[in-house]
Amino acid sequence: MMFALIAVQLVRRAPLESRWDAALAMLFLPALADWALGRFLPRAGSNLWRTATGALLGIALGRTLFVHLERPFPFWLLVQAAGVTAVAVPVILLTYRKRQGVDQAARSSVQEGRNDE
């Protein structure tokens, strides 16, 4: 989706500014929310939902990356990067801590099992 949208814009020589840029750029939010939820609840969502959010992500990135090719680091690309960073860093840290706790509990139970022998 992303590459197709970039190609269409290149061929049609799309304008670098559009009144729809803000709305198109924000289409990455459902995919970001789906990813964050999936980190905590891996079985949440469905293939259809992930396909839909992925398509929206492709549209959002297709537009902002097209503009980026012509005018590096456009405002909406920076907004997307900031949004991903603001969500991804805390989610990764929280799931890492959760995983460390599970790994620590597993190691403790293994140690206890060895001590019982």
Protein backbone atom coordinates (compact mmCIF):
# COMPACT_ATOMS: atom_id res chain seq x y z
CA MET A 1 0.00 0.00 0.00
CA MET A 2 2.71 2.45 1.01
CA PHE A 3 4.89 1.87 -2.05
CA ALA A 4 1.89 1.93 -4.38
CA LEU A 5 0.75 5.25 -2.95
CA ILE A 6 4.23 6.74 -3.27
CA ALA A 7 4.43 5.54 -6.89
CA VAL A 8 1.01 6.99 -7.77
CA GLN A 9 1.97 10.34 -6.27
CA LEU A 10 5.28 10.38 -8.14
CA VAL A 11 3.64 9.55 -11.47
CA ARG A 12 0.87 12.09 -10.99
CA ARG A 13 3.25 14.70 -9.59
CA ALA A 14 1.09 15.22 -6.55
CA PRO A 15 1.34 18.53 -4.74
CA LEU A 16 3.56 18.65 -1.66
CA GLU A 17 0.85 20.34 0.38
CA SER A 18 -2.77 19.32 0.66
CA ARG A 19 -5.60 20.19 3.00
CA TRP A 20 -5.84 16.45 3.72
CA ASP A 21 -2.24 16.05 4.94
CA ALA A 22 -3.10 16.25 8.66
CA ALA A 23 -5.91 13.69 8.38
CA LEU A 24 -3.82 11.35 6.24
CA ALA A 25 -0.83 11.61 8.56
CA MET A 26 -2.94 10.66 11.58
CA LEU A 27 -4.06 7.40 9.96
CA PHE A 28 -1.04 5.78 11.62
CA LEU A 29 -2.71 6.01 15.05
CA PRO A 30 -4.94 2.89 14.76
CA ALA A 31 -1.91 0.74 13.83
CA LEU A 32 0.09 2.22 16.69
CA ALA A 33 -2.72 1.52 19.16
CA ASP A 34 -3.14 -2.01 17.79
CA TRP A 35 0.59 -2.68 18.16
CA ALA A 36 0.67 -1.33 21.73
CA LEU A 37 -2.37 -3.38 22.75
CA GLY A 38 -0.88 -6.46 21.08
CA ARG A 39 2.27 -6.13 23.21
CA PHE A 40 0.18 -6.49 26.36
CA LEU A 41 -2.55 -8.78 25.03
CA PRO A 42 -1.10 -10.81 22.14
CA ARG A 43 -4.41 -12.52 21.37
CA ALA A 44 -6.33 -9.22 21.10
CA GLY A 45 -7.49 -8.16 17.67
CA SER A 46 -7.97 -10.20 14.52
CA ASN A 47 -6.28 -10.64 11.18
CA LEU A 48 -8.94 -8.45 9.55
CA TRP A 49 -8.35 -5.67 12.10
CA ARG A 50 -4.56 -5.88 11.68
CA THR A 51 -4.95 -5.80 7.89
CA ALA A 52 -7.15 -2.71 8.12
CA THR A 53 -4.82 -0.86 10.49
CA GLY A 54 -1.85 -1.87 8.32
CA ALA A 55 -3.56 -0.45 5.25
CA LEU A 56 -4.22 2.82 7.09
CA LEU A 57 -0.58 2.88 8.19
CA GLY A 58 0.48 2.36 4.57
CA ILE A 59 -1.64 5.31 3.45
CA ALA A 60 -0.26 7.55 6.22
CA LEU A 61 3.35 6.66 5.52
CA GLY A 62 2.86 6.70 1.76
CA ARG A 63 1.82 10.33 1.87
CA THR A 64 4.38 11.57 4.38
CA LEU A 65 7.27 9.66 2.82
CA PHE A 66 6.35 10.98 -0.63
CA VAL A 67 6.58 14.53 0.72
CA HIS A 68 9.81 13.57 2.51
CA LEU A 69 11.37 12.52 -0.82
CA GLU A 70 10.82 16.02 -2.16
CA ARG A 71 11.20 18.06 1.04
CA PRO A 72 13.13 16.22 3.78
CA PHE A 73 11.57 15.89 7.21
CA PRO A 74 8.16 17.46 6.64
CA PHE A 75 6.13 18.45 9.69
CA TRP A 76 3.70 15.52 9.55
CA LEU A 77 6.49 12.95 9.26
CA LEU A 78 8.03 14.41 12.41
CA VAL A 79 4.64 14.24 14.14
CA GLN A 80 4.40 10.57 13.21
CA ALA A 81 7.92 9.88 14.48
CA ALA A 82 7.22 11.69 17.75
CA GLY A 83 3.96 9.80 18.21
CA VAL A 84 5.56 6.42 17.60
CA THR A 85 8.40 7.26 19.98
CA ALA A 86 6.05 8.55 22.68
CA VAL A 87 4.08 5.30 22.61
CA ALA A 88 6.75 2.74 21.73
CA VAL A 89 9.34 3.62 24.37
CA PRO A 90 7.00 3.24 27.39
CA VAL A 91 5.34 0.14 25.93
CA ILE A 92 8.67 -1.56 25.24
CA LEU A 93 9.98 -0.68 28.71
CA LEU A 94 6.82 -1.91 30.43
CA THR A 95 6.72 -5.18 28.51
CA TYR A 96 10.45 -5.67 29.12
CA ARG A 97 9.95 -5.24 32.87
CA LYS A 98 6.97 -7.60 32.78
CA ARG A 99 9.04 -10.17 30.91
CA GLN A 100 11.93 -9.80 33.37
CA GLY A 101 9.52 -10.46 36.23
CA VAL A 102 8.21 -13.61 34.55
CA ASP A 103 11.75 -14.80 33.81
CA GLN A 104 12.79 -14.11 37.42
CA ALA A 105 9.78 -16.06 38.74
CA ALA A 106 10.60 -18.98 36.44
CA ARG A 107 14.22 -19.03 37.58
CA SER A 108 13.10 -18.94 41.23
CA SER A 109 10.77 -21.88 40.75
CA VAL A 110 13.53 -23.86 39.05
CA GLN A 111 15.86 -23.07 41.95
CA GLU A 112 13.20 -24.15 44.45
CA GLY A 113 12.71 -27.40 42.53
CA ARG A 114 16.42 -28.12 42.72
CA ASN A 115 16.51 -27.38 46.45
CA ASP A 116 13.68 -29.89 47.07
CA GLU A 117 15.75 -32.72 45.60
